Amino acid sequence: MSLVSRIERLIATDTIDQSDRLARLYADADVAGKRTLDWAFAALCGYTLETLLAQAQADGDVSLDAWPCQQCGEPCFTTDNGVTYHGEPDDIDYDADADHVALPDTEEAPQAAEAPQETCPRCGVTAPASQPCPTGCGAEEEDTPHGPTT
């Protein structure tokens, strides 16, 4: 059984949805960690984790804005000026805020500059422009965003 087949089987039989945990792991990762996760997911399914998370966030399945409160476990977030609230930016839970101060269960990593992204013309995967295509589609052998530019 191949490694990918083994992973697919384990995911299919896992009864615990770890989507929010995976989103937090990605959000907390530095640039190198995000690159590694993106390449691993591209190898597994043809899409970077960044792309999958953006789709899930757009569908409302995952929120990268809210984190669990250390005290009650309910979602909470921090504004740009450092104020924390329970709920999500578009739906503040003032009742929970009245009960206790929201304390996000994470220390957000400083945002580093992202590498320029390009879409591979051969397979359509988005990845850093300076790197070979993570799917191994062969585009790196051609004059493409993921291949030689000489």
C-alpha atoms as a PDB file:
ATOM      1  CA  MET A   1       0.000   0.000   0.000  1.00  0.00           C
ATOM      2  CA  SER A   2       1.403   3.402  -0.939  1.00  0.00           C
ATOM      3  CA  LEU A   3       1.941   6.128   1.628  1.00  0.00           C
ATOM      4  CA  VAL A   4      -0.758   8.320   0.034  1.00  0.00           C
ATOM      5  CA  SER A   5      -3.231   5.398   0.052  1.00  0.00           C
ATOM      6  CA  ARG A   6      -2.440   4.749   3.712  1.00  0.00           C
ATOM      7  CA  ILE A   7      -3.004   8.431   4.576  1.00  0.00           C
ATOM      8  CA  GLU A   8      -6.290   8.494   2.609  1.00  0.00           C
ATOM      9  CA  ARG A   9      -7.526   5.382   4.467  1.00  0.00           C
ATOM     10  CA  LEU A  10      -6.632   6.854   7.852  1.00  0.00           C
ATOM     11  CA  ILE A  11      -8.320  10.174   7.065  1.00  0.00           C
ATOM     12  CA  ALA A  12     -11.456   8.369   5.852  1.00  0.00           C
ATOM     13  CA  THR A  13     -11.737   6.372   9.084  1.00  0.00           C
ATOM     14  CA  ASP A  14     -10.864   9.197  11.500  1.00  0.00           C
ATOM     15  CA  THR A  15     -13.967  10.291  13.425  1.00  0.00           C
ATOM     16  CA  ILE A  16     -12.523  13.539  14.804  1.00  0.00           C
ATOM     17  CA  ASP A  17     -12.542  16.622  12.576  1.00  0.00           C
ATOM     18  CA  GLN A  18      -9.240  18.439  13.113  1.00  0.00           C
ATOM     19  CA  SER A  19      -9.946  21.278  10.635  1.00  0.00           C
ATOM     20  CA  ASP A  20      -9.683  24.107  13.168  1.00  0.00           C
ATOM     21  CA  ARG A  21      -6.526  22.633  14.693  1.00  0.00           C
ATOM     22  CA  LEU A  22      -4.957  22.340  11.240  1.00  0.00           C
ATOM     23  CA  ALA A  23      -5.933  25.942  10.424  1.00  0.00           C
ATOM     24  CA  ARG A  24      -4.330  27.182  13.661  1.00  0.00           C
ATOM     25  CA  LEU A  25      -1.192  25.122  12.986  1.00  0.00           C
ATOM     26  CA  TYR A  26      -0.860  26.739   9.560  1.00  0.00           C
ATOM     27  CA  ALA A  27      -1.644  30.254  10.844  1.00  0.00           C
ATOM     28  CA  ASP A  28       1.001  29.944  13.577  1.00  0.00           C
ATOM     29  CA  ALA A  29       3.689  28.539  11.265  1.00  0.00           C
ATOM     30  CA  ASP A  30       6.539  30.711  10.037  1.00  0.00           C
ATOM     31  CA  VAL A  31       7.182  31.075   6.299  1.00  0.00           C
ATOM     32  CA  ALA A  32       9.335  27.921   6.144  1.00  0.00           C
ATOM     33  CA  GLY A  33       6.732  25.907   8.060  1.00  0.00           C
ATOM     34  CA  LYS A  34       3.940  27.110   5.772  1.00  0.00           C
ATOM     35  CA  ARG A  35       6.041  26.216   2.721  1.00  0.00           C
ATOM     36  CA  THR A  36       6.591  22.697   4.079  1.00  0.00           C
ATOM     37  CA  LEU A  37       2.897  22.208   4.827  1.00  0.00           C
ATOM     38  CA  ASP A  38       1.936  23.582   1.404  1.00  0.00           C
ATOM     39  CA  TRP A  39       4.313  21.200  -0.389  1.00  0.00           C
ATOM     40  CA  ALA A  40       3.081  18.212   1.630  1.00  0.00           C
ATOM     41  CA  PHE A  41      -0.562  18.966   0.842  1.00  0.00           C
ATOM     42  CA  ALA A  42       0.226  19.599  -2.829  1.00  0.00           C
ATOM     43  CA  ALA A  43       1.904  16.199  -2.976  1.00  0.00           C
ATOM     44  CA  LEU A  44      -1.137  14.559  -1.358  1.00  0.00           C
ATOM     45  CA  CYS A  45      -3.963  16.223  -3.249  1.00  0.00           C
ATOM     46  CA  GLY A  46      -2.598  18.710  -5.786  1.00  0.00           C
ATOM     47  CA  TYR A  47      -3.505  21.815  -3.751  1.00  0.00           C
ATOM     48  CA  THR A  48      -1.513  23.774  -1.197  1.00  0.00           C
ATOM     49  CA  LEU A  49      -2.876  23.980   2.327  1.00  0.00           C
ATOM     50  CA  GLU A  50      -3.082  27.758   1.850  1.00  0.00           C
ATOM     51  CA  THR A  51      -5.473  27.240  -1.078  1.00  0.00           C
ATOM     52  CA  LEU A  52      -7.574  24.655   0.774  1.00  0.00           C
ATOM     53  CA  LEU A  53      -7.831  26.883   3.857  1.00  0.00           C
ATOM     54  CA  ALA A  54      -8.860  29.880   1.734  1.00  0.00           C
ATOM     55  CA  GLN A  55     -11.621  27.780   0.140  1.00  0.00           C
ATOM     56  CA  ALA A  56     -12.774  26.448   3.522  1.00  0.00           C
ATOM     57  CA  GLN A  57     -12.735  29.946   5.011  1.00  0.00           C
ATOM     58  CA  ALA A  58     -14.747  31.333   2.074  1.00  0.00           C
ATOM     59  CA  ASP A  59     -17.319  28.559   2.590  1.00  0.00           C
ATOM     60  CA  GLY A  60     -17.487  29.366   6.334  1.00  0.00           C
ATOM     61  CA  ASP A  61     -16.104  25.955   7.341  1.00  0.00           C
ATOM     62  CA  VAL A  62     -12.963  27.313   9.034  1.00  0.00           C
ATOM     63  CA  SER A  63     -12.217  30.650  10.667  1.00  0.00           C
ATOM     64  CA  LEU A  64      -8.677  31.942  10.839  1.00  0.00           C
ATOM     65  CA  ASP A  65      -9.898  35.031  12.699  1.00  0.00           C
ATOM     66  CA  ALA A  66     -11.144  33.352  15.894  1.00  0.00           C
ATOM     67  CA  TRP A  67      -9.172  31.269  18.398  1.00  0.00           C
ATOM     68  CA  PRO A  68     -10.461  29.333  21.428  1.00  0.00           C
ATOM     69  CA  CYS A  69     -10.508  31.297  24.704  1.00  0.00           C
ATOM     70  CA  GLN A  70      -8.149  29.838  27.327  1.00  0.00           C
ATOM     71  CA  GLN A  71     -10.818  30.099  30.028  1.00  0.00           C
ATOM     72  CA  CYS A  72     -14.043  28.939  28.336  1.00  0.00           C
ATOM     73  CA  GLY A  73     -13.002  27.464  24.980  1.00  0.00           C
ATOM     74  CA  GLU A  74     -15.384  29.692  23.008  1.00  0.00           C
ATOM     75  CA  PRO A  75     -14.059  31.484  19.907  1.00  0.00           C
ATOM     76  CA  CYS A  76     -12.342  34.811  20.509  1.00  0.00           C
ATOM     77  CA  PHE A  77     -10.208  37.232  18.526  1.00  0.00           C
ATOM     78  CA  THR A  78      -7.884  40.189  18.957  1.00  0.00           C
ATOM     79  CA  THR A  79      -8.382  43.456  17.093  1.00  0.00           C
ATOM     80  CA  ASP A  80      -5.540  45.298  15.367  1.00  0.00           C
ATOM     81  CA  ASN A  81      -5.256  47.590  18.400  1.00  0.00           C
ATOM     82  CA  GLY A  82      -4.872  44.645  20.821  1.00  0.00           C
ATOM     83  CA  VAL A  83      -8.406  44.434  22.303  1.00  0.00           C
ATOM     84  CA  THR A  84      -9.792  40.894  22.669  1.00  0.00           C
ATOM     85  CA  TYR A  85     -13.448  39.894  22.310  1.00  0.00           C
ATOM     86  CA  HIS A  86     -15.406  36.645  22.383  1.00  0.00           C
ATOM     87  CA  GLY A  87     -17.031  35.626  19.101  1.00  0.00           C
ATOM     88  CA  GLU A  88     -15.815  36.578  15.645  1.00  0.00           C
ATOM     89  CA  PRO A  89     -15.101  40.018  14.178  1.00  0.00           C
ATOM     90  CA  ASP A  90     -18.564  40.251  12.635  1.00  0.00           C
ATOM     91  CA  ASP A  91     -20.413  38.691  15.625  1.00  0.00           C
ATOM     92  CA  ILE A  92     -19.082  39.775  19.057  1.00  0.00           C
ATOM     93  CA  ASP A  93     -20.445  37.882  22.092  1.00  0.00           C
ATOM     94  CA  TYR A  94     -20.776  40.680  24.644  1.00  0.00           C
ATOM     95  CA  ASP A  95     -22.380  38.353  27.226  1.00  0.00           C
ATOM     96  CA  ALA A  96     -19.257  36.178  27.323  1.00  0.00           C
ATOM     97  CA  ASP A  97     -17.106  39.325  27.466  1.00  0.00           C
ATOM     98  CA  ALA A  98     -19.087  40.495  30.492  1.00  0.00           C
ATOM     99  CA  ASP A  99     -18.342  37.188  32.246  1.00  0.00           C
ATOM    100  CA  HIS A 100     -14.540  37.277  31.747  1.00  0.00           C
ATOM    101  CA  VAL A 101     -11.801  38.713  29.562  1.00  0.00           C
ATOM    102  CA  ALA A 102     -11.249  36.761  26.342  1.00  0.00           C
ATOM    103  CA  LEU A 103      -7.778  35.215  26.294  1.00  0.00           C
ATOM    104  CA  PRO A 104      -6.875  33.634  22.942  1.00  0.00           C
ATOM    105  CA  ASP A 105      -5.235  30.231  23.338  1.00  0.00           C
ATOM    106  CA  THR A 106      -2.354  31.111  21.031  1.00  0.00           C
ATOM    107  CA  GLU A 107       0.465  33.517  20.599  1.00  0.00           C
ATOM    108  CA  GLU A 108       0.244  34.732  17.048  1.00  0.00           C
ATOM    109  CA  ALA A 109       3.529  34.554  15.215  1.00  0.00           C
ATOM    110  CA  PRO A 110       4.690  37.794  13.641  1.00  0.00           C
ATOM    111  CA  GLN A 111       3.684  37.963  10.008  1.00  0.00           C
ATOM    112  CA  ALA A 112       6.647  37.530   7.706  1.00  0.00           C
ATOM    113  CA  ALA A 113       6.691  38.574   4.099  1.00  0.00           C
ATOM    114  CA  GLU A 114       5.304  35.851   1.864  1.00  0.00           C
ATOM    115  CA  ALA A 115       7.225  34.688  -1.167  1.00  0.00           C
ATOM    116  CA  PRO A 116       5.645  35.662  -4.513  1.00  0.00           C
ATOM    117  CA  GLN A 117       3.231  32.954  -5.650  1.00  0.00           C
ATOM    118  CA  GLU A 118       2.682  31.675  -9.179  1.00  0.00           C
ATOM    119  CA  THR A 119       0.219  29.170 -10.620  1.00  0.00           C
ATOM    120  CA  CYS A 120       1.870  26.303 -12.470  1.00  0.00           C
ATOM    121  CA  PRO A 121       0.642  26.374 -16.084  1.00  0.00           C
ATOM    122  CA  ARG A 122       0.932  22.605 -16.377  1.00  0.00           C
ATOM    123  CA  CYS A 123      -0.998  21.407 -13.290  1.00  0.00           C
ATOM    124  CA  GLY A 124      -2.583  24.574 -11.832  1.00  0.00           C
ATOM    125  CA  VAL A 125      -1.035  24.341  -8.342  1.00  0.00           C
ATOM    126  CA  THR A 126      -0.124  27.626  -6.671  1.00  0.00           C
ATOM    127  CA  ALA A 127       3.333  27.601  -5.087  1.00  0.00           C
ATOM    128  CA  PRO A 128       6.320  29.923  -4.526  1.00  0.00           C
ATOM    129  CA  ALA A 129       7.545  31.197  -7.896  1.00  0.00           C
ATOM    130  CA  SER A 130      11.180  30.514  -7.028  1.00  0.00           C
ATOM    131  CA  GLN A 131      10.560  26.826  -6.256  1.00  0.00           C
ATOM    132  CA  PRO A 132       9.979  23.832  -8.557  1.00  0.00           C
ATOM    133  CA  CYS A 133       6.354  22.726  -8.794  1.00  0.00           C
ATOM    134  CA  PRO A 134       5.642  20.654  -5.648  1.00  0.00           C
ATOM    135  CA  THR A 135       3.505  18.128  -7.556  1.00  0.00           C
ATOM    136  CA  GLY A 136       6.431  16.954  -9.675  1.00  0.00           C
ATOM    137  CA  CYS A 137       4.462  17.531 -12.875  1.00  0.00           C
ATOM    138  CA  GLY A 138       7.629  18.300 -14.812  1.00  0.00           C
ATOM    139  CA  ALA A 139       7.043  22.032 -15.202  1.00  0.00           C
ATOM    140  CA  GLU A 140      10.419  22.727 -13.575  1.00  0.00           C
ATOM    141  CA  GLU A 141      12.050  21.361 -16.722  1.00  0.00           C
ATOM    142  CA  GLU A 142      10.289  23.947 -18.874  1.00  0.00           C
ATOM    143  CA  ASP A 143      10.451  27.739 -19.011  1.00  0.00           C
ATOM    144  CA  THR A 144       7.550  28.297 -16.589  1.00  0.00           C
ATOM    145  CA  PRO A 145       7.014  30.143 -13.290  1.00  0.00           C
ATOM    146  CA  HIS A 146       8.107  26.956 -11.476  1.00  0.00           C
ATOM    147  CA  GLY A 147      10.945  26.105 -13.851  1.00  0.00           C
ATOM    148  CA  PRO A 148      14.061  27.589 -15.395  1.00  0.00           C
ATOM    149  CA  THR A 149      13.815  31.194 -16.523  1.00  0.00           C
ATOM    150  CA  THR A 150      17.016  31.294 -18.546  1.00  0.00           C
END
